[in-house]
PDB file of N, CA and C in Angstrom:
ATOM      1  N   MET A   1     -41.540  16.191 -26.662  1.00  0.00           N
ATOM      2  CA  MET A   1     -42.805  15.835 -27.256  1.00  0.00           C
ATOM      3  C   MET A   1     -43.252  14.443 -26.815  1.00  0.00           C
ATOM      4  N   ILE A   2     -42.325  13.527 -26.693  1.00  0.00           N
ATOM      5  CA  ILE A   2     -42.690  12.167 -26.298  1.00  0.00           C
ATOM      6  C   ILE A   2     -43.326  12.168 -24.914  1.00  0.00           C
ATOM      7  N   VAL A   3     -42.748  12.911 -23.995  1.00  0.00           N
ATOM      8  CA  VAL A   3     -43.269  12.945 -22.632  1.00  0.00           C
ATOM      9  C   VAL A   3     -44.612  13.664 -22.587  1.00  0.00           C
ATOM     10  N   ARG A   4     -44.698  14.811 -23.239  1.00  0.00           N
ATOM     11  CA  ARG A   4     -45.933  15.597 -23.188  1.00  0.00           C
ATOM     12  C   ARG A   4     -47.112  14.897 -23.863  1.00  0.00           C
ATOM     13  N   LYS A   5     -46.848  14.178 -24.927  1.00  0.00           N
ATOM     14  CA  LYS A   5     -47.937  13.509 -25.642  1.00  0.00           C
ATOM     15  C   LYS A   5     -48.160  12.074 -25.170  1.00  0.00           C
ATOM     16  N   HIS A   6     -47.373  11.654 -24.180  1.00  0.00           N
ATOM     17  CA  HIS A   6     -47.496  10.306 -23.624  1.00  0.00           C
ATOM     18  C   HIS A   6     -47.344   9.227 -24.700  1.00  0.00           C
ATOM     19  N   VAL A   7     -46.367   9.437 -25.557  1.00  0.00           N
ATOM     20  CA  VAL A   7     -46.108   8.485 -26.630  1.00  0.00           C
ATOM     21  C   VAL A   7     -45.423   7.252 -26.056  1.00  0.00           C
ATOM     22  N   GLN A   8     -45.865   6.086 -26.511  1.00  0.00           N
ATOM     23  CA  GLN A   8     -45.214   4.842 -26.129  1.00  0.00           C
ATOM     24  C   GLN A   8     -44.431   4.335 -27.330  1.00  0.00           C
ATOM     25  N   LEU A   9     -43.208   3.976 -27.087  1.00  0.00           N
ATOM     26  CA  LEU A   9     -42.343   3.476 -28.141  1.00  0.00           C
ATOM     27  C   LEU A   9     -42.006   2.024 -27.828  1.00  0.00           C
ATOM     28  N   LEU A  10     -42.355   1.140 -28.744  1.00  0.00           N
ATOM     29  CA  LEU A  10     -42.089  -0.280 -28.565  1.00  0.00           C
ATOM     30  C   LEU A  10     -41.134  -0.741 -29.640  1.00  0.00           C
ATOM     31  N   GLY A  11     -40.175  -1.512 -29.249  1.00  0.00           N
ATOM     32  CA  GLY A  11     -39.222  -2.056 -30.206  1.00  0.00           C
ATOM     33  C   GLY A  11     -39.370  -3.560 -30.299  1.00  0.00           C
ATOM     34  N   SER A  12     -38.761  -4.108 -31.300  1.00  0.00           N
ATOM     35  CA  SER A  12     -38.772  -5.564 -31.439  1.00  0.00           C
ATOM     36  C   SER A  12     -37.454  -5.995 -32.055  1.00  0.00           C
ATOM     37  N   TRP A  13     -37.128  -7.217 -31.812  1.00  0.00           N
ATOM     38  CA  TRP A  13     -35.906  -7.788 -32.354  1.00  0.00           C
ATOM     39  C   TRP A  13     -36.288  -9.093 -33.030  1.00  0.00           C
ATOM     40  N   GLY A  14     -36.020  -9.222 -34.297  1.00  0.00           N
ATOM     41  CA  GLY A  14     -36.482 -10.379 -35.039  1.00  0.00           C
ATOM     42  C   GLY A  14     -35.472 -11.504 -35.178  1.00  0.00           C
ATOM     43  N   SER A  15     -34.335 -11.376 -34.518  1.00  0.00           N
ATOM     44  CA  SER A  15     -33.345 -12.443 -34.624  1.00  0.00           C
ATOM     45  C   SER A  15     -32.552 -12.538 -33.333  1.00  0.00           C
ATOM     46  N   THR A  16     -31.866 -13.649 -33.186  1.00  0.00           N
ATOM     47  CA  THR A  16     -31.041 -13.867 -31.993  1.00  0.00           C
ATOM     48  C   THR A  16     -29.568 -13.746 -32.362  1.00  0.00           C
ATOM     49  N   ALA A  17     -28.717 -13.774 -31.363  1.00  0.00           N
ATOM     50  CA  ALA A  17     -27.279 -13.746 -31.608  1.00  0.00           C
ATOM     51  C   ALA A  17     -26.849 -14.962 -32.427  1.00  0.00           C
ATOM     52  N   VAL A  18     -27.491 -16.088 -32.191  1.00  0.00           N
ATOM     53  CA  VAL A  18     -27.189 -17.308 -32.952  1.00  0.00           C
ATOM     54  C   VAL A  18     -27.552 -17.106 -34.430  1.00  0.00           C
ATOM     55  N   ASP A  19     -28.708 -16.472 -34.686  1.00  0.00           N
ATOM     56  CA  ASP A  19     -29.122 -16.180 -36.066  1.00  0.00           C
ATOM     57  C   ASP A  19     -28.099 -15.284 -36.761  1.00  0.00           C
ATOM     58  N   LEU A  20     -27.657 -14.258 -36.061  1.00  0.00           N
ATOM     59  CA  LEU A  20     -26.688 -13.317 -36.624  1.00  0.00           C
ATOM     60  C   LEU A  20     -25.376 -14.025 -36.939  1.00  0.00           C
ATOM     61  N   LYS A  21     -24.912 -14.845 -36.023  1.00  0.00           N
ATOM     62  CA  LYS A  21     -23.664 -15.583 -36.235  1.00  0.00           C
ATOM     63  C   LYS A  21     -23.790 -16.494 -37.455  1.00  0.00           C
ATOM     64  N   GLN A  22     -24.908 -17.181 -37.572  1.00  0.00           N
ATOM     65  CA  GLN A  22     -25.121 -18.078 -38.711  1.00  0.00           C
ATOM     66  C   GLN A  22     -25.162 -17.284 -40.019  1.00  0.00           C
ATOM     67  N   ALA A  23     -25.813 -16.148 -40.011  1.00  0.00           N
ATOM     68  CA  ALA A  23     -25.885 -15.319 -41.220  1.00  0.00           C
ATOM     69  C   ALA A  23     -24.497 -14.853 -41.643  1.00  0.00           C
ATOM     70  N   ILE A  24     -23.693 -14.418 -40.680  1.00  0.00           N
ATOM     71  CA  ILE A  24     -22.330 -13.970 -40.986  1.00  0.00           C
ATOM     72  C   ILE A  24     -21.506 -15.121 -41.560  1.00  0.00           C
ATOM     73  N   GLU A  25     -21.650 -16.299 -40.979  1.00  0.00           N
ATOM     74  CA  GLU A  25     -20.918 -17.469 -41.477  1.00  0.00           C
ATOM     75  C   GLU A  25     -21.332 -17.836 -42.904  1.00  0.00           C
ATOM     76  N   LEU A  26     -22.627 -17.765 -43.191  1.00  0.00           N
ATOM     77  CA  LEU A  26     -23.115 -18.083 -44.536  1.00  0.00           C
ATOM     78  C   LEU A  26     -22.594 -17.092 -45.567  1.00  0.00           C
ATOM     79  N   ILE A  27     -22.538 -15.820 -45.203  1.00  0.00           N
ATOM     80  CA  ILE A  27     -22.020 -14.800 -46.115  1.00  0.00           C
ATOM     81  C   ILE A  27     -20.514 -14.960 -46.277  1.00  0.00           C
ATOM     82  N   ALA A  28     -19.800 -15.165 -45.168  1.00  0.00           N
ATOM     83  CA  ALA A  28     -18.344 -15.304 -45.218  1.00  0.00           C
ATOM     84  C   ALA A  28     -17.918 -16.523 -46.032  1.00  0.00           C
ATOM     85  N   SER A  29     -18.676 -17.596 -45.963  1.00  0.00           N
ATOM     86  CA  SER A  29     -18.328 -18.822 -46.688  1.00  0.00           C
ATOM     87  C   SER A  29     -18.684 -18.750 -48.168  1.00  0.00           C
ATOM     88  N   GLY A  30     -19.468 -17.750 -48.548  1.00  0.00           N
ATOM     89  CA  GLY A  30     -19.891 -17.626 -49.939  1.00  0.00           C
ATOM     90  C   GLY A  30     -21.157 -18.408 -50.250  1.00  0.00           C
ATOM     91  N   THR A  31     -21.729 -19.067 -49.259  1.00  0.00           N
ATOM     92  CA  THR A  31     -22.969 -19.815 -49.456  1.00  0.00           C
ATOM     93  C   THR A  31     -24.110 -18.876 -49.826  1.00  0.00           C
ATOM     94  N   VAL A  32     -24.113 -17.698 -49.216  1.00  0.00           N
ATOM     95  CA  VAL A  32     -25.124 -16.682 -49.504  1.00  0.00           C
ATOM     96  C   VAL A  32     -24.421 -15.465 -50.093  1.00  0.00           C
ATOM     97  N   ASP A  33     -24.883 -15.009 -51.239  1.00  0.00           N
ATOM     98  CA  ASP A  33     -24.341 -13.804 -51.871  1.00  0.00           C
ATOM     99  C   ASP A  33     -25.134 -12.608 -51.357  1.00  0.00           C
ATOM    100  N   ARG A  34     -24.521 -11.825 -50.498  1.00  0.00           N
ATOM    101  CA  ARG A  34     -25.217 -10.697 -49.874  1.00  0.00           C
ATOM    102  C   ARG A  34     -25.689  -9.668 -50.888  1.00  0.00           C
ATOM    103  N   ARG A  35     -25.049  -9.605 -52.044  1.00  0.00           N
ATOM    104  CA  ARG A  35     -25.446  -8.603 -53.047  1.00  0.00           C
ATOM    105  C   ARG A  35     -26.850  -8.857 -53.581  1.00  0.00           C
ATOM    106  N   THR A  36     -27.284 -10.107 -53.569  1.00  0.00           N
ATOM    107  CA  THR A  36     -28.622 -10.418 -54.082  1.00  0.00           C
ATOM    108  C   THR A  36     -29.713 -10.097 -53.066  1.00  0.00           C
ATOM    109  N   LEU A  37     -29.328  -9.820 -51.817  1.00  0.00           N
ATOM    110  CA  LEU A  37     -30.322  -9.510 -50.796  1.00  0.00           C
ATOM    111  C   LEU A  37     -30.881  -8.100 -50.946  1.00  0.00           C
ATOM    112  N   VAL A  38     -30.104  -7.196 -51.547  1.00  0.00           N
ATOM    113  CA  VAL A  38     -30.566  -5.826 -51.792  1.00  0.00           C
ATOM    114  C   VAL A  38     -31.231  -5.805 -53.158  1.00  0.00           C
ATOM    115  N   SER A  39     -32.532  -5.590 -53.155  1.00  0.00           N
ATOM    116  CA  SER A  39     -33.264  -5.625 -54.423  1.00  0.00           C
ATOM    117  C   SER A  39     -33.388  -4.248 -55.075  1.00  0.00           C
ATOM    118  N   HIS A  40     -33.325  -3.172 -54.255  1.00  0.00           N
ATOM    119  CA  HIS A  40     -33.484  -1.823 -54.801  1.00  0.00           C
ATOM    120  C   HIS A  40     -32.627  -0.828 -54.019  1.00  0.00           C
ATOM    121  N   GLU A  41     -32.127   0.165 -54.731  1.00  0.00           N
ATOM    122  CA  GLU A  41     -31.360   1.241 -54.103  1.00  0.00           C
ATOM    123  C   GLU A  41     -31.948   2.581 -54.527  1.00  0.00           C
ATOM    124  N   PHE A  42     -31.965   3.524 -53.573  1.00  0.00           N
ATOM    125  CA  PHE A  42     -32.454   4.875 -53.832  1.00  0.00           C
ATOM    126  C   PHE A  42     -31.435   5.873 -53.312  1.00  0.00           C
ATOM    127  N   VAL A  43     -31.360   7.025 -53.948  1.00  0.00           N
ATOM    128  CA  VAL A  43     -30.521   8.106 -53.424  1.00  0.00           C
ATOM    129  C   VAL A  43     -31.274   8.769 -52.271  1.00  0.00           C
ATOM    130  N   LEU A  44     -30.547   9.452 -51.419  1.00  0.00           N
ATOM    131  CA  LEU A  44     -31.128  10.048 -50.220  1.00  0.00           C
ATOM    132  C   LEU A  44     -32.293  10.984 -50.537  1.00  0.00           C
ATOM    133  N   ASP A  45     -32.195  11.716 -51.617  1.00  0.00           N
ATOM    134  CA  ASP A  45     -33.276  12.641 -51.990  1.00  0.00           C
ATOM    135  C   ASP A  45     -34.587  11.922 -52.305  1.00  0.00           C
ATOM    136  N   LYS A  46     -34.515  10.638 -52.554  1.00  0.00           N
ATOM    137  CA  LYS A  46     -35.700   9.841 -52.886  1.00  0.00           C
ATOM    138  C   LYS A  46     -36.086   8.896 -51.743  1.00  0.00           C
ATOM    139  N   ALA A  47     -35.663   9.216 -50.516  1.00  0.00           N
ATOM    140  CA  ALA A  47     -35.930   8.349 -49.366  1.00  0.00           C
ATOM    141  C   ALA A  47     -37.423   8.117 -49.159  1.00  0.00           C
ATOM    142  N   ASP A  48     -38.234   9.146 -49.380  1.00  0.00           N
ATOM    143  CA  ASP A  48     -39.676   8.975 -49.207  1.00  0.00           C
ATOM    144  C   ASP A  48     -40.231   7.939 -50.184  1.00  0.00           C
ATOM    145  N   GLU A  49     -39.715   7.946 -51.411  1.00  0.00           N
ATOM    146  CA  GLU A  49     -40.136   6.953 -52.395  1.00  0.00           C
ATOM    147  C   GLU A  49     -39.655   5.556 -51.992  1.00  0.00           C
ATOM    148  N   ALA A  50     -38.454   5.490 -51.415  1.00  0.00           N
ATOM    149  CA  ALA A  50     -37.907   4.201 -50.988  1.00  0.00           C
ATOM    150  C   ALA A  50     -38.773   3.570 -49.906  1.00  0.00           C
ATOM    151  N   PHE A  51     -39.186   4.367 -48.921  1.00  0.00           N
ATOM    152  CA  PHE A  51     -40.047   3.848 -47.857  1.00  0.00           C
ATOM    153  C   PHE A  51     -41.405   3.418 -48.407  1.00  0.00           C
ATOM    154  N   ALA A  52     -41.963   4.197 -49.308  1.00  0.00           N
ATOM    155  CA  ALA A  52     -43.250   3.857 -49.907  1.00  0.00           C
ATOM    156  C   ALA A  52     -43.138   2.561 -50.714  1.00  0.00           C
ATOM    157  N   PHE A  53     -42.043   2.419 -51.429  1.00  0.00           N
ATOM    158  CA  PHE A  53     -41.820   1.219 -52.235  1.00  0.00           C
ATOM    159  C   PHE A  53     -41.716  -0.013 -51.338  1.00  0.00           C
ATOM    160  N   GLN A  54     -40.962   0.111 -50.253  1.00  0.00           N
ATOM    161  CA  GLN A  54     -40.789  -1.003 -49.323  1.00  0.00           C
ATOM    162  C   GLN A  54     -42.122  -1.401 -48.687  1.00  0.00           C
ATOM    163  N   GLU A  55     -42.942  -0.415 -48.365  1.00  0.00           N
ATOM    164  CA  GLU A  55     -44.238  -0.686 -47.729  1.00  0.00           C
ATOM    165  C   GLU A  55     -45.172  -1.484 -48.637  1.00  0.00           C
ATOM    166  N   LYS A  56     -44.990  -1.367 -49.941  1.00  0.00           N
ATOM    167  CA  LYS A  56     -45.840  -2.098 -50.883  1.00  0.00           C
ATOM    168  C   LYS A  56     -45.512  -3.587 -50.912  1.00  0.00           C
ATOM    169  N   GLY A  57     -44.393  -3.974 -50.287  1.00  0.00           N
ATOM    170  CA  GLY A  57     -44.019  -5.379 -50.253  1.00  0.00           C
ATOM    171  C   GLY A  57     -43.438  -5.897 -51.553  1.00  0.00           C
ATOM    172  N   GLN A  58     -42.931  -5.011 -52.378  1.00  0.00           N
ATOM    173  CA  GLN A  58     -42.392  -5.412 -53.675  1.00  0.00           C
ATOM    174  C   GLN A  58     -40.874  -5.545 -53.666  1.00  0.00           C
ATOM    175  N   ALA A  59     -40.271  -5.497 -52.494  1.00  0.00           N
ATOM    176  CA  ALA A  59     -38.810  -5.512 -52.422  1.00  0.00           C
ATOM    177  C   ALA A  59     -38.348  -6.473 -51.338  1.00  0.00           C
ATOM    178  N   ILE A  60     -37.129  -6.947 -51.491  1.00  0.00           N
ATOM    179  CA  ILE A  60     -36.524  -7.760 -50.441  1.00  0.00           C
ATOM    180  C   ILE A  60     -35.866  -6.832 -49.434  1.00  0.00           C
ATOM    181  N   LYS A  61     -34.970  -5.982 -49.917  1.00  0.00           N
ATOM    182  CA  LYS A  61     -34.288  -5.020 -49.052  1.00  0.00           C
ATOM    183  C   LYS A  61     -34.065  -3.760 -49.877  1.00  0.00           C
ATOM    184  N   VAL A  62     -34.465  -2.641 -49.318  1.00  0.00           N
ATOM    185  CA  VAL A  62     -34.274  -1.351 -49.973  1.00  0.00           C
ATOM    186  C   VAL A  62     -33.180  -0.601 -49.224  1.00  0.00           C
ATOM    187  N   VAL A  63     -32.214  -0.074 -49.972  1.00  0.00           N
ATOM    188  CA  VAL A  63     -31.120   0.672 -49.377  1.00  0.00           C
ATOM    189  C   VAL A  63     -31.229   2.122 -49.839  1.00  0.00           C
ATOM    190  N   VAL A  64     -31.046   3.042 -48.896  1.00  0.00           N
ATOM    191  CA  VAL A  64     -31.011   4.469 -49.219  1.00  0.00           C
ATOM    192  C   VAL A  64     -29.573   4.921 -49.054  1.00  0.00           C
ATOM    193  N   LYS A  65     -29.000   5.441 -50.127  1.00  0.00           N
ATOM    194  CA  LYS A  65     -27.591   5.859 -50.133  1.00  0.00           C
ATOM    195  C   LYS A  65     -27.498   7.381 -50.169  1.00  0.00           C
ATOM    196  N   PRO A  66     -26.526   7.921 -49.432  1.00  0.00           N
ATOM    197  CA  PRO A  66     -26.332   9.382 -49.461  1.00  0.00           C
ATOM    198  C   PRO A  66     -25.823   9.863 -50.788  1.00  0.00           C
TER     199      PRO A  66
END
């Protein structure tokens, strides 16, 4: 379908390897509590609601769990 419809797929990366390393260090040292970064959790059956909720900008991080 991608080829036939001439779909273009663009990706982006919002952080660098240095950013990732710093984030891991902050979490490992206890400076940042990773549990507070997840603001909402949804079960897999409610994934559509999770995406809609995230799109409204009312969450920090939404996790969908099986």
